[in-house]
Amino acid sequence: MLLQSHLDCIQLLPALPTEWGEGSVTGLKARGGFEVDIHWEQGLLRKAVVRSLKGGVCLIRSAQVVRIVDGSGKELPYIREGSLITIETVPSQILQVVSTLTEE
């Protein structure tokens, strides 16, 4: 409901129940060596924090338009093909996936 991790692709909020309009979750484990925290409002992703435990390619699927930034808010380069985001990570790197629908 909150995170699907299949074939090393992280899908954020794939089946969020409509009754769960607002909420957050921390420490979800995803395939490929990633840990994810998610915060949502009005049934939409607000922000996710993805910690790369091992480094390597991180694949994130999000239907929403998002920005990928580091801990200081600096935009990170990534490739987007449809709803699939591909970004290269290093061990211990923290990515913030931020919805462009709302400001932080």
PDB file of N, CA and C in Angstrom:
ATOM      1  N   MET A   1       0.818  -1.202   0.000  1.00  0.00           N
ATOM      2  CA  MET A   1       0.000   0.000   0.000  1.00  0.00           C
ATOM      3  C   MET A   1       0.860   1.264   0.000  1.00  0.00           C
ATOM      4  N   LEU A   2       1.928   1.259   0.770  1.00  0.00           N
ATOM      5  CA  LEU A   2       2.742   2.457   0.908  1.00  0.00           C
ATOM      6  C   LEU A   2       3.984   2.454   0.036  1.00  0.00           C
ATOM      7  N   LEU A   3       4.542   1.255  -0.167  1.00  0.00           N
ATOM      8  CA  LEU A   3       5.752   1.142  -0.975  1.00  0.00           C
ATOM      9  C   LEU A   3       5.766  -0.233  -1.623  1.00  0.00           C
ATOM     10  N   GLN A   4       6.080  -0.258  -2.902  1.00  0.00           N
ATOM     11  CA  GLN A   4       6.291  -1.527  -3.580  1.00  0.00           C
ATOM     12  C   GLN A   4       7.722  -1.526  -4.084  1.00  0.00           C
ATOM     13  N   SER A   5       8.406  -2.606  -3.857  1.00  0.00           N
ATOM     14  CA  SER A   5       9.787  -2.745  -4.282  1.00  0.00           C
ATOM     15  C   SER A   5       9.890  -4.036  -5.071  1.00  0.00           C
ATOM     16  N   HIS A   6       9.957  -3.898  -6.386  1.00  0.00           N
ATOM     17  CA  HIS A   6       9.979  -5.065  -7.267  1.00  0.00           C
ATOM     18  C   HIS A   6      11.009  -4.829  -8.360  1.00  0.00           C
ATOM     19  N   LEU A   7      11.867  -5.826  -8.595  1.00  0.00           N
ATOM     20  CA  LEU A   7      12.927  -5.704  -9.600  1.00  0.00           C
ATOM     21  C   LEU A   7      13.769  -4.446  -9.367  1.00  0.00           C
ATOM     22  N   ASP A   8      14.061  -4.181  -8.102  1.00  0.00           N
ATOM     23  CA  ASP A   8      14.883  -3.040  -7.673  1.00  0.00           C
ATOM     24  C   ASP A   8      14.269  -1.685  -8.016  1.00  0.00           C
ATOM     25  N   CYS A   9      12.977  -1.633  -8.297  1.00  0.00           N
ATOM     26  CA  CYS A   9      12.279  -0.376  -8.556  1.00  0.00           C
ATOM     27  C   CYS A   9      11.400  -0.050  -7.351  1.00  0.00           C
ATOM     28  N   ILE A  10      11.519   1.168  -6.865  1.00  0.00           N
ATOM     29  CA  ILE A  10      10.752   1.624  -5.711  1.00  0.00           C
ATOM     30  C   ILE A  10       9.538   2.402  -6.214  1.00  0.00           C
ATOM     31  N   GLN A  11       8.353   1.918  -5.892  1.00  0.00           N
ATOM     32  CA  GLN A  11       7.134   2.643  -6.244  1.00  0.00           C
ATOM     33  C   GLN A  11       6.552   3.234  -4.968  1.00  0.00           C
ATOM     34  N   LEU A  12       6.369   4.544  -4.965  1.00  0.00           N
ATOM     35  CA  LEU A  12       5.884   5.263  -3.796  1.00  0.00           C
ATOM     36  C   LEU A  12       4.363   5.359  -3.811  1.00  0.00           C
ATOM     37  N   LEU A  13       3.737   4.966  -2.714  1.00  0.00           N
ATOM     38  CA  LEU A  13       2.282   5.032  -2.516  1.00  0.00           C
ATOM     39  C   LEU A  13       1.507   4.379  -3.655  1.00  0.00           C
ATOM     40  N   PRO A  14       1.798   3.116  -3.978  1.00  0.00           N
ATOM     41  CA  PRO A  14       1.123   2.480  -5.110  1.00  0.00           C
ATOM     42  C   PRO A  14      -0.356   2.199  -4.877  1.00  0.00           C
ATOM     43  N   ALA A  15      -0.768   2.013  -3.622  1.00  0.00           N
ATOM     44  CA  ALA A  15      -2.162   1.662  -3.349  1.00  0.00           C
ATOM     45  C   ALA A  15      -2.626   2.293  -2.035  1.00  0.00           C
ATOM     46  N   LEU A  16      -2.393   3.580  -1.906  1.00  0.00           N
ATOM     47  CA  LEU A  16      -2.766   4.286  -0.691  1.00  0.00           C
ATOM     48  C   LEU A  16      -4.291   4.334  -0.549  1.00  0.00           C
ATOM     49  N   PRO A  17      -4.828   3.815   0.565  1.00  0.00           N
ATOM     50  CA  PRO A  17      -6.286   3.877   0.759  1.00  0.00           C
ATOM     51  C   PRO A  17      -6.772   5.329   0.832  1.00  0.00           C
ATOM     52  N   THR A  18      -7.917   5.607   0.260  1.00  0.00           N
ATOM     53  CA  THR A  18      -8.446   6.975   0.275  1.00  0.00           C
ATOM     54  C   THR A  18      -8.692   7.464   1.698  1.00  0.00           C
ATOM     55  N   GLU A  19      -8.947   6.542   2.626  1.00  0.00           N
ATOM     56  CA  GLU A  19      -9.189   6.920   4.019  1.00  0.00           C
ATOM     57  C   GLU A  19      -7.932   7.452   4.691  1.00  0.00           C
ATOM     58  N   TRP A  20      -6.778   7.166   4.134  1.00  0.00           N
ATOM     59  CA  TRP A  20      -5.510   7.618   4.695  1.00  0.00           C
ATOM     60  C   TRP A  20      -5.059   8.888   3.976  1.00  0.00           C
ATOM     61  N   GLY A  21      -5.806   9.945   4.097  1.00  0.00           N
ATOM     62  CA  GLY A  21      -5.529  11.189   3.382  1.00  0.00           C
ATOM     63  C   GLY A  21      -4.199  11.816   3.736  1.00  0.00           C
ATOM     64  N   GLU A  22      -3.810  11.719   5.003  1.00  0.00           N
ATOM     65  CA  GLU A  22      -2.539  12.293   5.446  1.00  0.00           C
ATOM     66  C   GLU A  22      -1.810  11.273   6.297  1.00  0.00           C
ATOM     67  N   GLY A  23      -0.497  11.303   6.236  1.00  0.00           N
ATOM     68  CA  GLY A  23       0.262  10.401   7.083  1.00  0.00           C
ATOM     69  C   GLY A  23       1.720  10.348   6.704  1.00  0.00           C
ATOM     70  N   SER A  24       2.432   9.516   7.432  1.00  0.00           N
ATOM     71  CA  SER A  24       3.848   9.324   7.149  1.00  0.00           C
ATOM     72  C   SER A  24       4.274   7.964   7.683  1.00  0.00           C
ATOM     73  N   VAL A  25       5.369   7.483   7.156  1.00  0.00           N
ATOM     74  CA  VAL A  25       5.944   6.219   7.572  1.00  0.00           C
ATOM     75  C   VAL A  25       7.464   6.356   7.428  1.00  0.00           C
ATOM     76  N   THR A  26       8.200   5.700   8.311  1.00  0.00           N
ATOM     77  CA  THR A  26       9.653   5.775   8.246  1.00  0.00           C
ATOM     78  C   THR A  26      10.264   4.385   8.281  1.00  0.00           C
ATOM     79  N   GLY A  27      11.435   4.280   7.699  1.00  0.00           N
ATOM     80  CA  GLY A  27      12.223   3.067   7.806  1.00  0.00           C
ATOM     81  C   GLY A  27      11.810   1.892   6.952  1.00  0.00           C
ATOM     82  N   LEU A  28      11.041   2.119   5.889  1.00  0.00           N
ATOM     83  CA  LEU A  28      10.672   1.013   5.007  1.00  0.00           C
ATOM     84  C   LEU A  28      11.901   0.545   4.227  1.00  0.00           C
ATOM     85  N   LYS A  29      12.085  -0.754   4.127  1.00  0.00           N
ATOM     86  CA  LYS A  29      13.215  -1.318   3.394  1.00  0.00           C
ATOM     87  C   LYS A  29      12.783  -1.634   1.968  1.00  0.00           C
ATOM     88  N   ALA A  30      13.632  -1.257   1.018  1.00  0.00           N
ATOM     89  CA  ALA A  30      13.358  -1.511  -0.394  1.00  0.00           C
ATOM     90  C   ALA A  30      14.506  -2.314  -0.992  1.00  0.00           C
ATOM     91  N   ARG A  31      14.188  -3.095  -1.998  1.00  0.00           N
ATOM     92  CA  ARG A  31      15.209  -3.901  -2.676  1.00  0.00           C
ATOM     93  C   ARG A  31      16.299  -3.000  -3.243  1.00  0.00           C
ATOM     94  N   GLY A  32      17.469  -3.562  -3.359  1.00  0.00           N
ATOM     95  CA  GLY A  32      18.589  -2.814  -3.915  1.00  0.00           C
ATOM     96  C   GLY A  32      19.390  -2.084  -2.852  1.00  0.00           C
ATOM     97  N   GLY A  33      19.005  -2.239  -1.577  1.00  0.00           N
ATOM     98  CA  GLY A  33      19.751  -1.593  -0.503  1.00  0.00           C
ATOM     99  C   GLY A  33      19.318  -0.171  -0.227  1.00  0.00           C
ATOM    100  N   PHE A  34      18.014   0.073  -0.196  1.00  0.00           N
ATOM    101  CA  PHE A  34      17.487   1.412   0.067  1.00  0.00           C
ATOM    102  C   PHE A  34      16.540   1.379   1.260  1.00  0.00           C
ATOM    103  N   GLU A  35      16.496   2.469   1.987  1.00  0.00           N
ATOM    104  CA  GLU A  35      15.562   2.656   3.092  1.00  0.00           C
ATOM    105  C   GLU A  35      14.764   3.920   2.795  1.00  0.00           C
ATOM    106  N   VAL A  36      13.456   3.883   3.025  1.00  0.00           N
ATOM    107  CA  VAL A  36      12.580   4.955   2.556  1.00  0.00           C
ATOM    108  C   VAL A  36      11.664   5.462   3.674  1.00  0.00           C
ATOM    109  N   ASP A  37      11.562   6.787   3.777  1.00  0.00           N
ATOM    110  CA  ASP A  37      10.566   7.458   4.609  1.00  0.00           C
ATOM    111  C   ASP A  37       9.622   8.179   3.650  1.00  0.00           C
ATOM    112  N   ILE A  38       8.323   8.151   3.932  1.00  0.00           N
ATOM    113  CA  ILE A  38       7.347   8.784   3.043  1.00  0.00           C
ATOM    114  C   ILE A  38       6.396   9.646   3.865  1.00  0.00           C
ATOM    115  N   HIS A  39       6.098  10.831   3.356  1.00  0.00           N
ATOM    116  CA  HIS A  39       5.108  11.725   3.957  1.00  0.00           C
ATOM    117  C   HIS A  39       4.117  12.108   2.854  1.00  0.00           C
ATOM    118  N   TRP A  40       2.810  12.000   3.148  1.00  0.00           N
ATOM    119  CA  TRP A  40       1.801  12.347   2.148  1.00  0.00           C
ATOM    120  C   TRP A  40       0.704  13.201   2.771  1.00  0.00           C
ATOM    121  N   GLU A  41       0.073  13.997   1.927  1.00  0.00           N
ATOM    122  CA  GLU A  41      -1.049  14.857   2.316  1.00  0.00           C
ATOM    123  C   GLU A  41      -2.083  14.823   1.205  1.00  0.00           C
ATOM    124  N   GLN A  42      -3.354  14.847   1.574  1.00  0.00           N
ATOM    125  CA  GLN A  42      -4.464  14.826   0.624  1.00  0.00           C
ATOM    126  C   GLN A  42      -4.314  13.673  -0.370  1.00  0.00           C
ATOM    127  N   GLY A  43      -3.790  12.553   0.116  1.00  0.00           N
ATOM    128  CA  GLY A  43      -3.644  11.367  -0.711  1.00  0.00           C
ATOM    129  C   GLY A  43      -2.518  11.418  -1.729  1.00  0.00           C
ATOM    130  N   LEU A  44      -1.676  12.457  -1.665  1.00  0.00           N
ATOM    131  CA  LEU A  44      -0.589  12.613  -2.633  1.00  0.00           C
ATOM    132  C   LEU A  44       0.756  12.693  -1.921  1.00  0.00           C
ATOM    133  N   LEU A  45       1.774  12.211  -2.601  1.00  0.00           N
ATOM    134  CA  LEU A  45       3.125  12.296  -2.079  1.00  0.00           C
ATOM    135  C   LEU A  45       3.503  13.749  -1.831  1.00  0.00           C
ATOM    136  N   ARG A  46       4.020  14.005  -0.665  1.00  0.00           N
ATOM    137  CA  ARG A  46       4.560  15.335  -0.342  1.00  0.00           C
ATOM    138  C   ARG A  46       6.078  15.271  -0.432  1.00  0.00           C
ATOM    139  N   LYS A  47       6.658  14.262   0.256  1.00  0.00           N
ATOM    140  CA  LYS A  47       8.102  14.099   0.225  1.00  0.00           C
ATOM    141  C   LYS A  47       8.467  12.678   0.638  1.00  0.00           C
ATOM    142  N   ALA A  48       9.495  12.147   0.009  1.00  0.00           N
ATOM    143  CA  ALA A  48      10.065  10.870   0.414  1.00  0.00           C
ATOM    144  C   ALA A  48      11.566  11.065   0.588  1.00  0.00           C
ATOM    145  N   VAL A  49      12.112  10.432   1.585  1.00  0.00           N
ATOM    146  CA  VAL A  49      13.553  10.430   1.800  1.00  0.00           C
ATOM    147  C   VAL A  49      14.036   9.013   1.512  1.00  0.00           C
ATOM    148  N   VAL A  50      14.987   8.909   0.590  1.00  0.00           N
ATOM    149  CA  VAL A  50      15.530   7.609   0.199  1.00  0.00           C
ATOM    150  C   VAL A  50      16.995   7.574   0.600  1.00  0.00           C
ATOM    151  N   ARG A  51      17.339   6.627   1.455  1.00  0.00           N
ATOM    152  CA  ARG A  51      18.720   6.448   1.875  1.00  0.00           C
ATOM    153  C   ARG A  51      19.320   5.278   1.101  1.00  0.00           C
ATOM    154  N   SER A  52      20.424   5.547   0.418  1.00  0.00           N
ATOM    155  CA  SER A  52      21.130   4.502  -0.318  1.00  0.00           C
ATOM    156  C   SER A  52      22.130   3.852   0.631  1.00  0.00           C
ATOM    157  N   LEU A  53      21.881   2.620   1.005  1.00  0.00           N
ATOM    158  CA  LEU A  53      22.750   1.933   1.956  1.00  0.00           C
ATOM    159  C   LEU A  53      23.998   1.356   1.295  1.00  0.00           C
ATOM    160  N   LYS A  54      23.880   0.957   0.015  1.00  0.00           N
ATOM    161  CA  LYS A  54      24.989   0.312  -0.688  1.00  0.00           C
ATOM    162  C   LYS A  54      25.513   1.111  -1.874  1.00  0.00           C
ATOM    163  N   GLY A  55      24.768   2.109  -2.332  1.00  0.00           N
ATOM    164  CA  GLY A  55      25.131   2.798  -3.563  1.00  0.00           C
ATOM    165  C   GLY A  55      24.590   2.041  -4.762  1.00  0.00           C
ATOM    166  N   GLY A  56      24.711   2.633  -5.927  1.00  0.00           N
ATOM    167  CA  GLY A  56      24.238   2.006  -7.156  1.00  0.00           C
ATOM    168  C   GLY A  56      23.036   2.738  -7.725  1.00  0.00           C
ATOM    169  N   VAL A  57      22.452   2.166  -8.748  1.00  0.00           N
ATOM    170  CA  VAL A  57      21.321   2.791  -9.431  1.00  0.00           C
ATOM    171  C   VAL A  57      20.064   2.660  -8.579  1.00  0.00           C
ATOM    172  N   CYS A  58      19.356   3.774  -8.443  1.00  0.00           N
ATOM    173  CA  CYS A  58      18.073   3.806  -7.744  1.00  0.00           C
ATOM    174  C   CYS A  58      16.993   4.093  -8.782  1.00  0.00           C
ATOM    175  N   LEU A  59      16.012   3.214  -8.848  1.00  0.00           N
ATOM    176  CA  LEU A  59      14.878   3.387  -9.750  1.00  0.00           C
ATOM    177  C   LEU A  59      13.655   3.714  -8.905  1.00  0.00           C
ATOM    178  N   ILE A  60      13.013   4.835  -9.208  1.00  0.00           N
ATOM    179  CA  ILE A  60      11.830   5.273  -8.462  1.00  0.00           C
ATOM    180  C   ILE A  60      10.700   5.486  -9.453  1.00  0.00           C
ATOM    181  N   ARG A  61       9.550   4.912  -9.152  1.00  0.00           N
ATOM    182  CA  ARG A  61       8.379   5.112 -10.002  1.00  0.00           C
ATOM    183  C   ARG A  61       7.420   6.046  -9.281  1.00  0.00           C
ATOM    184  N   SER A  62       7.083   7.155  -9.953  1.00  0.00           N
ATOM    185  CA  SER A  62       6.148   8.125  -9.385  1.00  0.00           C
ATOM    186  C   SER A  62       5.342   8.756 -10.504  1.00  0.00           C
ATOM    187  N   ALA A  63       4.025   8.665 -10.393  1.00  0.00           N
ATOM    188  CA  ALA A  63       3.163   9.296 -11.388  1.00  0.00           C
ATOM    189  C   ALA A  63       3.185  10.817 -11.233  1.00  0.00           C
ATOM    190  N   GLN A  64       3.492  11.284 -10.028  1.00  0.00           N
ATOM    191  CA  GLN A  64       3.554  12.723  -9.779  1.00  0.00           C
ATOM    192  C   GLN A  64       4.858  13.305 -10.312  1.00  0.00           C
ATOM    193  N   VAL A  65       4.836  14.570 -10.634  1.00  0.00           N
ATOM    194  CA  VAL A  65       6.051  15.278 -11.019  1.00  0.00           C
ATOM    195  C   VAL A  65       6.787  15.617  -9.736  1.00  0.00           C
ATOM    196  N   VAL A  66       8.060  15.237  -9.679  1.00  0.00           N
ATOM    197  CA  VAL A  66       8.849  15.449  -8.475  1.00  0.00           C
ATOM    198  C   VAL A  66      10.202  16.056  -8.829  1.00  0.00           C
ATOM    199  N   ARG A  67      10.837  16.578  -7.801  1.00  0.00           N
ATOM    200  CA  ARG A  67      12.228  17.021  -7.897  1.00  0.00           C
ATOM    201  C   ARG A  67      13.044  16.069  -7.027  1.00  0.00           C
ATOM    202  N   ILE A  68      14.287  15.826  -7.408  1.00  0.00           N
ATOM    203  CA  ILE A  68      15.196  15.021  -6.607  1.00  0.00           C
ATOM    204  C   ILE A  68      16.289  15.967  -6.117  1.00  0.00           C
ATOM    205  N   VAL A  69      16.419  16.078  -4.795  1.00  0.00           N
ATOM    206  CA  VAL A  69      17.404  16.989  -4.211  1.00  0.00           C
ATOM    207  C   VAL A  69      18.209  16.252  -3.150  1.00  0.00           C
ATOM    208  N   ASP A  70      19.369  16.832  -2.807  1.00  0.00           N
ATOM    209  CA  ASP A  70      20.157  16.264  -1.719  1.00  0.00           C
ATOM    210  C   ASP A  70      19.720  16.907  -0.406  1.00  0.00           C
ATOM    211  N   GLY A  71      20.428  16.599   0.668  1.00  0.00           N
ATOM    212  CA  GLY A  71      20.061  17.104   1.980  1.00  0.00           C
ATOM    213  C   GLY A  71      20.082  18.619   2.113  1.00  0.00           C
ATOM    214  N   SER A  72      20.863  19.296   1.262  1.00  0.00           N
ATOM    215  CA  SER A  72      20.929  20.760   1.315  1.00  0.00           C
ATOM    216  C   SER A  72      19.936  21.425   0.369  1.00  0.00           C
ATOM    217  N   GLY A  73      19.164  20.625  -0.362  1.00  0.00           N
ATOM    218  CA  GLY A  73      18.184  21.176  -1.292  1.00  0.00           C
ATOM    219  C   GLY A  73      18.703  21.352  -2.706  1.00  0.00           C
ATOM    220  N   LYS A  74      19.943  20.936  -2.959  1.00  0.00           N
ATOM    221  CA  LYS A  74      20.530  21.063  -4.299  1.00  0.00           C
ATOM    222  C   LYS A  74      19.938  20.008  -5.226  1.00  0.00           C
ATOM    223  N   GLU A  75      19.505  20.449  -6.408  1.00  0.00           N
ATOM    224  CA  GLU A  75      18.948  19.534  -7.413  1.00  0.00           C
ATOM    225  C   GLU A  75      19.994  18.507  -7.827  1.00  0.00           C
ATOM    226  N   LEU A  76      19.580  17.260  -7.916  1.00  0.00           N
ATOM    227  CA  LEU A  76      20.462  16.192  -8.368  1.00  0.00           C
ATOM    228  C   LEU A  76      20.059  15.772  -9.779  1.00  0.00           C
ATOM    229  N   PRO A  77      21.037  15.435 -10.619  1.00  0.00           N
ATOM    230  CA  PRO A  77      20.702  15.004 -11.982  1.00  0.00           C
ATOM    231  C   PRO A  77      20.099  13.601 -11.981  1.00  0.00           C
ATOM    232  N   TYR A  78      19.084  13.415 -12.809  1.00  0.00           N
ATOM    233  CA  TYR A  78      18.456  12.103 -12.953  1.00  0.00           C
ATOM    234  C   TYR A  78      17.836  12.015 -14.334  1.00  0.00           C
ATOM    235  N   ILE A  79      17.467  10.808 -14.703  1.00  0.00           N
ATOM    236  CA  ILE A  79      16.808  10.569 -15.990  1.00  0.00           C
ATOM    237  C   ILE A  79      15.368  10.178 -15.686  1.00  0.00           C
ATOM    238  N   ARG A  80      14.427  10.791 -16.411  1.00  0.00           N
ATOM    239  CA  ARG A  80      13.018  10.441 -16.247  1.00  0.00           C
ATOM    240  C   ARG A  80      12.475   9.961 -17.584  1.00  0.00           C
ATOM    241  N   GLU A  81      11.915   8.759 -17.571  1.00  0.00           N
ATOM    242  CA  GLU A  81      11.254   8.203 -18.745  1.00  0.00           C
ATOM    243  C   GLU A  81       9.854   7.812 -18.315  1.00  0.00           C
ATOM    244  N   GLY A  82       8.867   8.607 -18.692  1.00  0.00           N
ATOM    245  CA  GLY A  82       7.502   8.381 -18.229  1.00  0.00           C
ATOM    246  C   GLY A  82       7.446   8.564 -16.731  1.00  0.00           C
ATOM    247  N   SER A  83       7.006   7.543 -16.020  1.00  0.00           N
ATOM    248  CA  SER A  83       6.912   7.644 -14.568  1.00  0.00           C
ATOM    249  C   SER A  83       8.144   7.079 -13.855  1.00  0.00           C
ATOM    250  N   LEU A  84       9.143   6.609 -14.627  1.00  0.00           N
ATOM    251  CA  LEU A  84      10.330   5.984 -14.043  1.00  0.00           C
ATOM    252  C   LEU A  84      11.488   6.970 -13.960  1.00  0.00           C
ATOM    253  N   ILE A  85      12.018   7.117 -12.754  1.00  0.00           N
ATOM    254  CA  ILE A  85      13.166   7.989 -12.489  1.00  0.00           C
ATOM    255  C   ILE A  85      14.369   7.100 -12.216  1.00  0.00           C
ATOM    256  N   THR A  86      15.485   7.387 -12.870  1.00  0.00           N
ATOM    257  CA  THR A  86      16.724   6.653 -12.672  1.00  0.00           C
ATOM    258  C   THR A  86      17.773   7.621 -12.163  1.00  0.00           C
ATOM    259  N   ILE A  87      18.392   7.276 -11.029  1.00  0.00           N
ATOM    260  CA  ILE A  87      19.423   8.135 -10.458  1.00  0.00           C
ATOM    261  C   ILE A  87      20.529   7.266  -9.879  1.00  0.00           C
ATOM    262  N   GLU A  88      21.764   7.654 -10.126  1.00  0.00           N
ATOM    263  CA  GLU A  88      22.926   6.943  -9.600  1.00  0.00           C
ATOM    264  C   GLU A  88      23.206   7.438  -8.185  1.00  0.00           C
ATOM    265  N   THR A  89      23.458   6.509  -7.255  1.00  0.00           N
ATOM    266  CA  THR A  89      23.724   6.882  -5.865  1.00  0.00           C
ATOM    267  C   THR A  89      25.054   6.307  -5.404  1.00  0.00           C
ATOM    268  N   VAL A  90      25.546   6.871  -4.314  1.00  0.00           N
ATOM    269  CA  VAL A  90      26.736   6.350  -3.644  1.00  0.00           C
ATOM    270  C   VAL A  90      26.314   5.878  -2.255  1.00  0.00           C
ATOM    271  N   PRO A  91      27.112   4.995  -1.625  1.00  0.00           N
ATOM    272  CA  PRO A  91      26.746   4.523  -0.290  1.00  0.00           C
ATOM    273  C   PRO A  91      26.522   5.676   0.692  1.00  0.00           C
ATOM    274  N   SER A  92      25.488   5.555   1.499  1.00  0.00           N
ATOM    275  CA  SER A  92      25.099   6.530   2.541  1.00  0.00           C
ATOM    276  C   SER A  92      24.500   7.822   1.982  1.00  0.00           C
ATOM    277  N   GLN A  93      24.282   7.908   0.686  1.00  0.00           N
ATOM    278  CA  GLN A  93      23.684   9.115   0.102  1.00  0.00           C
ATOM    279  C   GLN A  93      22.206   9.195   0.463  1.00  0.00           C
ATOM    280  N   ILE A  94      21.745  10.417   0.708  1.00  0.00           N
ATOM    281  CA  ILE A  94      20.340  10.654   1.024  1.00  0.00           C
ATOM    282  C   ILE A  94      19.726  11.477  -0.101  1.00  0.00           C
ATOM    283  N   LEU A  95      18.652  10.950  -0.677  1.00  0.00           N
ATOM    284  CA  LEU A  95      17.896  11.647  -1.717  1.00  0.00           C
ATOM    285  C   LEU A  95      16.573  12.094  -1.129  1.00  0.00           C
ATOM    286  N   GLN A  96      16.126  13.267  -1.517  1.00  0.00           N
ATOM    287  CA  GLN A  96      14.788  13.711  -1.158  1.00  0.00           C
ATOM    288  C   GLN A  96      13.980  13.814  -2.445  1.00  0.00           C
ATOM    289  N   VAL A  97      12.875  13.099  -2.461  1.00  0.00           N
ATOM    290  CA  VAL A  97      11.954  13.125  -3.600  1.00  0.00           C
ATOM    291  C   VAL A  97      10.828  14.053  -3.185  1.00  0.00           C
ATOM    292  N   VAL A  98      10.779  15.227  -3.793  1.00  0.00           N
ATOM    293  CA  VAL A  98       9.874  16.281  -3.350  1.00  0.00           C
ATOM    294  C   VAL A  98       8.831  16.566  -4.418  1.00  0.00           C
ATOM    295  N   SER A  99       7.573  16.531  -4.037  1.00  0.00           N
ATOM    296  CA  SER A  99       6.489  16.849  -4.958  1.00  0.00           C
ATOM    297  C   SER A  99       6.592  18.295  -5.409  1.00  0.00           C
ATOM    298  N   THR A 100       6.342  18.526  -6.695  1.00  0.00           N
ATOM    299  CA  THR A 100       6.343  19.900  -7.186  1.00  0.00           C
ATOM    300  C   THR A 100       4.966  20.544  -7.011  1.00  0.00           C
ATOM    301  N   LEU A 101       3.987  19.781  -6.505  1.00  0.00           N
ATOM    302  CA  LEU A 101       2.647  20.320  -6.295  1.00  0.00           C
ATOM    303  C   LEU A 101       2.578  21.228  -5.080  1.00  0.00           C
ATOM    304  N   THR A 102       3.495  21.034  -4.134  1.00  0.00           N
ATOM    305  CA  THR A 102       3.486  21.816  -2.905  1.00  0.00           C
ATOM    306  C   THR A 102       4.887  22.290  -2.601  1.00  0.00           C
ATOM    307  N   GLU A 103       4.971  23.375  -1.906  1.00  0.00           N
ATOM    308  CA  GLU A 103       6.284  23.878  -1.507  1.00  0.00           C
ATOM    309  C   GLU A 103       6.629  23.299  -0.152  1.00  0.00           C
ATOM    310  N   GLU A 104       7.936  23.187   0.096  1.00  0.00           N
ATOM    311  CA  GLU A 104       8.383  22.678   1.392  1.00  0.00           C
ATOM    312  C   GLU A 104       8.189  23.726   2.460  1.00  0.00           C
TER     313      GLU A 104
END
